[in-house]
Amino acid sequence: MADKKISFVIPCYRSSKTIGGVINEIDETMKGMAGYDYDITLINDGSPDDTWDTLQKIAAGRDDNRVLGINLAKNFGQHAALMAGLNAADGDYVICLDDDGQTPANEADKLIAALEAGADVAYARYSHKKHNLFRNFGTAMNEWMAGAMLGKPKELYVSSYFAARRFVVDEMIKYTSSYPYVIGLVLRTTRNIVNVDVTHRAREVGTSGYTFSKLMALWINGFTAFSVKPLRIATATGTLFAILGFIYGIYTIIKKFVLPDVPVGFSALMSAVIFIGGMLMLMLGMIGEYLGRLYISQNNNPQFVIRETTRDEK
């Protein structure tokens, strides 16, 4: 009997042509990892193609009951889909990876080895990423935001391919708010996190499901769900402009006494009013974002809704 169990969690979106290869690679990899049992949870995140049909066929075509397919009622986003999978996973270790084959399932043993060596969480790190320029920009912005707002160590690289111990996952799924952000949940649980170098593959089928609007929503979600630093920045900025305005007012008065014939600059005044007005609107919008999310969370807006699973009919 296996000593420990590994649960693979894979959010799926437009992946009907790629997910089968990922599953096969996991199966082949686990054959070489003696002492471990495993299962695979596949979450269809409201994919508009035939991904759910594909997941049903994969689950039905196996006799080992290792594959569980979960069909969400609509598209909730990758992080919400991950939370659905984490709630279903029961392994001693949990590995999260992508559905497109870019994250190498055949190197999962490296992540597990890092956990066995004492780490609580192991993130895959890529020496050469095969994402397009837009996706790389999004990743860079996500790295900056996680470092500046969430206190992520500068040397730590985070990605969608990672492994975590059972107690970390148990703590993560205690979070029931409407706006989950996985790295935020990891960082608030533990700082015993390491990187493991793995290969990153080029996408062979389709394109990334992340659009600019989705990336923006992800960034906003990250720093409003787990940090009050934006509010503190707004306070500091407001204080700075108040001081500058007071100093400039004193300067204007002195200048009028010293040089009474110098006309007051209407353009400069309007520029200052518009700039400060814009800053005030930005700060009020930030406060409104926090209050709106608090209101939605208090209304128990769900992270995800499961329509059905592949085991409902069994």
Protein backbone atom coordinates (compact mmCIF):
# COMPACT_ATOMS: atom_id res chain seq x y z
CA MET A 1 0.00 0.00 0.00
CA ALA A 2 1.28 3.45 -0.89
CA ASP A 3 2.62 5.53 1.99
CA LYS A 4 1.43 8.91 0.69
CA LYS A 5 -1.09 10.24 -1.79
CA ILE A 6 -0.66 13.02 -4.34
CA SER A 7 -3.71 14.91 -5.60
CA PHE A 8 -3.37 16.69 -8.95
CA VAL A 9 -5.68 19.67 -9.42
CA ILE A 10 -6.15 21.04 -12.95
CA PRO A 11 -8.50 23.92 -13.89
CA CYS A 12 -9.72 23.42 -17.45
CA TYR A 13 -10.81 26.06 -19.97
CA ARG A 14 -10.95 25.38 -23.71
CA SER A 15 -8.74 22.35 -23.18
CA SER A 16 -10.59 19.53 -24.88
CA LYS A 17 -7.62 18.96 -27.23
CA THR A 18 -4.87 19.13 -24.62
CA ILE A 19 -6.12 17.72 -21.31
CA GLY A 20 -5.92 14.09 -22.46
CA GLY A 21 -2.18 14.44 -23.04
CA VAL A 22 -1.71 15.99 -19.60
CA ILE A 23 -3.55 13.09 -17.95
CA ASN A 24 -1.47 10.53 -19.85
CA GLU A 25 1.72 12.27 -18.79
CA ILE A 26 0.65 12.22 -15.14
CA ASP A 27 -0.12 8.50 -15.38
CA GLU A 28 3.30 7.76 -16.90
CA THR A 29 5.08 9.94 -14.34
CA MET A 30 3.39 8.28 -11.37
CA LYS A 31 4.45 4.83 -12.59
CA GLY A 32 7.99 5.85 -11.77
CA MET A 33 7.21 7.29 -8.33
CA ALA A 34 7.13 4.29 -6.04
CA GLY A 35 5.47 4.75 -2.68
CA TYR A 36 2.86 7.23 -3.88
CA ASP A 37 -0.77 6.83 -4.81
CA TYR A 38 -2.53 9.60 -6.72
CA ASP A 39 -5.77 11.02 -8.02
CA ILE A 40 -6.63 13.78 -10.48
CA THR A 41 -9.31 16.46 -10.13
CA LEU A 42 -10.32 18.26 -13.33
CA ILE A 43 -12.42 21.42 -13.02
CA ASN A 44 -14.30 22.67 -16.07
CA ASP A 45 -14.48 26.43 -15.52
CA GLY A 46 -17.49 27.16 -17.70
CA SER A 47 -15.59 26.40 -20.88
CA PRO A 48 -17.65 27.27 -24.00
CA ASP A 49 -16.30 24.34 -26.02
CA ASP A 50 -16.71 20.59 -25.45
CA THR A 51 -14.23 20.43 -22.57
CA TRP A 52 -16.81 19.01 -20.14
CA ASP A 53 -17.74 16.25 -22.57
CA THR A 54 -14.05 15.40 -22.86
CA LEU A 55 -13.64 15.28 -19.07
CA GLN A 56 -16.65 13.01 -18.76
CA LYS A 57 -15.22 10.63 -21.37
CA ILE A 58 -11.83 10.57 -19.63
CA ALA A 59 -13.40 9.74 -16.27
CA ALA A 60 -15.77 7.16 -17.74
CA GLY A 61 -12.97 5.45 -19.65
CA ARG A 62 -11.02 4.60 -16.52
CA ASP A 63 -11.60 1.75 -14.11
CA ASP A 64 -9.35 3.02 -11.29
CA ASN A 65 -11.68 5.82 -10.11
CA ARG A 66 -8.68 8.15 -9.95
CA VAL A 67 -10.15 10.92 -12.10
CA LEU A 68 -12.86 13.27 -10.82
CA GLY A 69 -14.40 15.82 -13.15
CA ILE A 70 -16.14 18.88 -11.71
CA ASN A 71 -18.35 21.06 -13.91
CA LEU A 72 -18.81 24.61 -12.63
CA ALA A 73 -22.07 26.39 -13.38
CA LYS A 74 -20.30 29.27 -15.15
CA ASN A 75 -16.86 30.75 -15.66
CA PHE A 76 -15.61 31.79 -12.20
CA GLY A 77 -11.95 32.28 -13.11
CA GLN A 78 -8.83 30.18 -12.65
CA HIS A 79 -8.35 30.91 -8.95
CA ALA A 80 -11.95 30.07 -8.07
CA ALA A 81 -11.66 26.87 -10.12
CA LEU A 82 -8.50 26.02 -8.20
CA MET A 83 -10.37 26.51 -4.94
CA ALA A 84 -13.06 24.10 -6.13
CA GLY A 85 -10.37 21.53 -6.88
CA LEU A 86 -8.55 22.10 -3.60
CA ASN A 87 -11.78 21.54 -1.70
CA ALA A 88 -12.17 18.19 -3.45
CA ALA A 89 -8.53 17.07 -3.14
CA ASP A 90 -7.62 14.82 -0.20
CA GLY A 91 -3.99 13.94 -0.90
CA ASP A 92 -1.09 14.34 1.51
CA TYR A 93 0.44 16.53 -1.17
CA VAL A 94 -1.47 18.59 -3.73
CA ILE A 95 -0.02 19.61 -7.10
CA CYS A 96 -1.71 22.31 -9.18
CA LEU A 97 -0.85 22.63 -12.85
CA ASP A 98 -2.22 23.90 -16.16
CA ASP A 99 -4.41 22.12 -18.68
CA ASP A 100 -2.46 23.06 -21.82
CA GLY A 101 0.64 20.90 -21.38
CA GLN A 102 2.99 23.85 -20.90
CA THR A 103 3.63 22.88 -17.28
CA PRO A 104 5.60 19.60 -17.38
CA ALA A 105 3.72 16.96 -15.41
CA ASN A 106 6.67 14.61 -15.90
CA GLU A 107 8.70 16.84 -13.55
CA ALA A 108 6.20 16.64 -10.68
CA ASP A 109 8.69 14.46 -8.81
CA LYS A 110 10.96 17.53 -8.42
CA LEU A 111 8.21 19.43 -6.61
CA ILE A 112 7.45 16.46 -4.36
CA ALA A 113 11.16 16.03 -3.60
CA ALA A 114 11.26 19.66 -2.40
CA LEU A 115 8.34 18.99 -0.05
CA GLU A 116 9.93 15.81 1.21
CA ALA A 117 13.08 17.85 1.91
CA GLY A 118 11.11 20.07 4.29
CA ALA A 119 9.43 22.80 2.25
CA ASP A 120 5.75 23.57 2.81
CA VAL A 121 5.17 24.81 -0.75
CA ALA A 122 7.27 24.38 -3.91
CA TYR A 123 6.74 26.62 -6.95
CA ALA A 124 8.01 25.72 -10.40
CA ARG A 125 10.47 28.26 -11.82
CA TYR A 126 11.16 28.47 -15.55
CA SER A 127 14.53 29.50 -16.95
CA HIS A 128 13.01 30.11 -20.37
CA LYS A 129 9.28 30.79 -20.54
CA LYS A 130 7.38 29.98 -23.72
CA HIS A 131 4.50 32.40 -23.15
CA ASN A 132 3.82 35.24 -25.57
CA LEU A 133 4.92 38.82 -24.82
CA PHE A 134 1.52 39.86 -23.42
CA ARG A 135 1.37 36.90 -21.02
CA ASN A 136 4.95 37.51 -19.89
CA PHE A 137 4.06 41.13 -19.17
CA GLY A 138 1.09 39.96 -17.13
CA THR A 139 3.30 37.58 -15.18
CA ALA A 140 5.83 40.35 -14.48
CA MET A 141 3.07 42.64 -13.23
CA ASN A 142 1.70 39.86 -11.06
CA GLU A 143 5.17 39.28 -9.59
CA TRP A 144 5.57 42.98 -8.82
CA MET A 145 2.12 43.25 -7.26
CA ALA A 146 2.64 40.18 -5.09
CA GLY A 147 5.95 41.54 -3.87
CA ALA A 148 4.83 45.12 -3.26
CA MET A 149 1.38 44.43 -1.84
CA LEU A 150 1.57 40.95 -0.32
CA GLY A 151 5.14 40.86 0.92
CA LYS A 152 6.31 38.09 -1.40
CA PRO A 153 10.08 37.61 -1.06
CA LYS A 154 11.84 39.19 -4.02
CA GLU A 155 13.77 36.02 -4.85
CA LEU A 156 10.63 33.85 -4.90
CA TYR A 157 9.11 33.17 -8.32
CA VAL A 158 5.44 32.19 -8.32
CA SER A 159 3.66 30.32 -11.08
CA SER A 160 0.54 28.28 -11.72
CA TYR A 161 2.55 25.07 -11.24
CA PHE A 162 3.16 24.32 -7.58
CA ALA A 163 2.91 21.67 -4.88
CA ALA A 164 1.72 22.14 -1.29
CA ARG A 165 1.50 20.09 1.88
CA ARG A 166 -1.84 18.99 3.27
CA PHE A 167 -1.91 21.48 6.14
CA VAL A 168 -1.34 24.37 3.71
CA VAL A 169 -4.27 23.28 1.55
CA ASP A 170 -6.47 22.80 4.61
CA GLU A 171 -5.73 26.37 5.66
CA MET A 172 -6.31 27.73 2.13
CA ILE A 173 -9.78 26.20 1.80
CA LYS A 174 -10.88 27.85 5.04
CA TYR A 175 -11.04 31.04 2.97
CA THR A 176 -14.63 31.41 1.78
CA SER A 177 -14.66 34.99 0.53
CA SER A 178 -15.86 35.73 -2.99
CA TYR A 179 -12.44 36.77 -4.29
CA PRO A 180 -9.81 34.03 -3.81
CA TYR A 181 -6.21 34.73 -4.77
CA VAL A 182 -4.05 31.65 -4.46
CA ILE A 183 -0.61 33.17 -3.84
CA GLY A 184 -2.16 35.43 -1.19
CA LEU A 185 -3.60 32.39 0.56
CA VAL A 186 -0.24 30.61 0.40
CA LEU A 187 1.72 33.60 1.74
CA ARG A 188 -0.63 34.14 4.65
CA THR A 189 -0.23 30.46 5.62
CA THR A 190 3.53 29.92 5.37
CA ARG A 191 6.81 31.48 4.29
CA ASN A 192 8.59 28.13 4.02
CA ILE A 193 8.36 28.28 0.22
CA VAL A 194 11.00 27.23 -2.31
CA ASN A 195 11.50 27.32 -6.07
CA VAL A 196 12.21 24.28 -8.21
CA ASP A 197 13.62 24.69 -11.72
CA VAL A 198 11.57 22.93 -14.40
CA THR A 199 11.15 23.14 -18.15
CA HIS A 200 8.47 25.34 -19.66
CA ARG A 201 7.00 24.18 -22.95
CA ALA A 202 5.58 26.12 -25.86
CA ARG A 203 1.82 25.99 -26.30
CA GLU A 204 0.94 23.61 -29.11
CA VAL A 205 -2.82 24.16 -29.27
CA GLY A 206 -4.93 27.30 -28.78
CA THR A 207 -4.09 30.54 -27.00
CA SER A 208 -4.05 31.74 -23.40
CA GLY A 209 -7.46 32.34 -21.83
CA TYR A 210 -6.18 35.46 -20.08
CA THR A 211 -7.23 38.75 -21.66
CA PHE A 212 -6.12 42.21 -20.53
CA SER A 213 -9.37 42.71 -18.62
CA LYS A 214 -8.95 39.35 -16.84
CA LEU A 215 -5.38 40.18 -15.89
CA MET A 216 -6.47 43.57 -14.56
CA ALA A 217 -9.21 41.91 -12.50
CA LEU A 218 -6.63 39.43 -11.16
CA TRP A 219 -4.23 42.19 -10.08
CA ILE A 220 -6.99 44.22 -8.42
CA ASN A 221 -8.25 41.10 -6.69
CA GLY A 222 -4.79 40.32 -5.38
CA PHE A 223 -4.10 43.58 -3.60
CA THR A 224 -7.65 44.35 -2.43
CA ALA A 225 -8.30 40.86 -1.02
CA PHE A 226 -5.11 40.48 1.01
CA SER A 227 -3.59 43.91 1.58
CA VAL A 228 -4.55 47.36 2.88
CA LYS A 229 -1.41 48.92 1.41
CA PRO A 230 -3.33 50.69 -1.39
CA LEU A 231 -5.38 52.51 1.26
CA ARG A 232 -2.21 53.45 3.11
CA ILE A 233 -0.64 54.67 -0.13
CA ALA A 234 -3.74 56.77 -0.76
CA THR A 235 -3.47 58.25 2.73
CA ALA A 236 0.23 59.02 2.28
CA THR A 237 -0.38 60.54 -1.15
CA GLY A 238 -3.19 62.71 0.17
CA THR A 239 -1.01 63.89 3.04
CA LEU A 240 1.84 64.71 0.66
CA PHE A 241 -0.37 66.76 -1.65
CA ALA A 242 -1.91 68.58 1.31
CA ILE A 243 1.59 69.58 2.49
CA LEU A 244 2.64 70.60 -1.01
CA GLY A 245 -0.55 72.62 -1.41
CA PHE A 246 0.05 74.40 1.90
CA ILE A 247 3.65 75.21 0.96
CA TYR A 248 2.60 76.42 -2.47
CA GLY A 249 -0.07 78.62 -0.87
CA ILE A 250 2.54 80.28 1.37
CA TYR A 251 4.81 80.71 -1.67
CA THR A 252 2.00 82.39 -3.62
CA ILE A 253 1.25 84.82 -0.79
CA ILE A 254 4.91 85.78 -0.39
CA LYS A 255 5.32 86.13 -4.14
CA LYS A 256 2.31 88.46 -4.31
CA PHE A 257 3.78 90.71 -1.63
CA VAL A 258 7.25 90.76 -3.20
CA LEU A 259 6.07 91.04 -6.83
CA PRO A 260 2.57 92.57 -6.78
CA ASP A 261 2.46 93.04 -10.56
CA VAL A 262 2.90 89.35 -11.35
CA PRO A 263 -0.48 87.93 -12.53
CA VAL A 264 -1.82 84.76 -10.93
CA GLY A 265 -1.49 81.85 -13.39
CA PHE A 266 -4.95 80.58 -14.39
CA SER A 267 -3.55 77.65 -16.40
CA ALA A 268 -1.32 76.54 -13.53
CA LEU A 269 -4.27 76.78 -11.15
CA MET A 270 -6.53 74.69 -13.40
CA SER A 271 -3.81 72.08 -13.92
CA ALA A 272 -3.38 71.77 -10.16
CA VAL A 273 -7.14 71.50 -9.59
CA ILE A 274 -7.59 68.84 -12.28
CA PHE A 275 -4.60 66.82 -11.08
CA ILE A 276 -5.59 66.88 -7.44
CA GLY A 277 -9.23 66.21 -8.37
CA GLY A 278 -8.13 63.17 -10.36
CA MET A 279 -6.07 61.89 -7.44
CA LEU A 280 -9.04 62.30 -5.11
CA MET A 281 -11.31 60.38 -7.49
CA LEU A 282 -8.69 57.62 -7.74
CA MET A 283 -8.47 57.34 -3.96
CA LEU A 284 -12.24 57.37 -3.55
CA GLY A 285 -12.50 54.68 -6.22
CA MET A 286 -10.01 52.54 -4.32
CA ILE A 287 -11.98 52.92 -1.10
CA GLY A 288 -15.15 52.11 -3.04
CA GLU A 289 -13.53 48.95 -4.40
CA TYR A 290 -12.80 47.74 -0.89
CA LEU A 291 -16.29 48.59 0.34
CA GLY A 292 -17.91 46.95 -2.68
CA ARG A 293 -15.99 43.74 -2.19
CA LEU A 294 -16.84 43.75 1.49
CA TYR A 295 -20.53 44.18 0.62
CA ILE A 296 -20.47 41.35 -1.92
CA SER A 297 -18.64 39.05 0.51
CA GLN A 298 -21.12 39.83 3.28
CA ASN A 299 -23.87 38.76 0.89
CA ASN A 300 -22.18 35.34 0.70
CA ASN A 301 -21.48 35.54 -3.01
CA PRO A 302 -20.03 32.07 -3.75
CA GLN A 303 -16.47 31.46 -4.91
CA PHE A 304 -17.80 28.80 -7.26
CA VAL A 305 -20.95 26.78 -7.93
CA ILE A 306 -20.71 23.12 -8.92
CA ARG A 307 -23.31 22.09 -11.46
CA GLU A 308 -22.35 18.40 -11.53
CA THR A 309 -19.46 15.97 -11.20
CA THR A 310 -18.50 12.82 -13.07
CA ARG A 311 -19.40 10.76 -10.00
CA ASP A 312 -22.96 12.04 -9.67
CA GLU A 313 -24.26 9.30 -11.95
CA LYS A 314 -22.35 6.51 -10.25
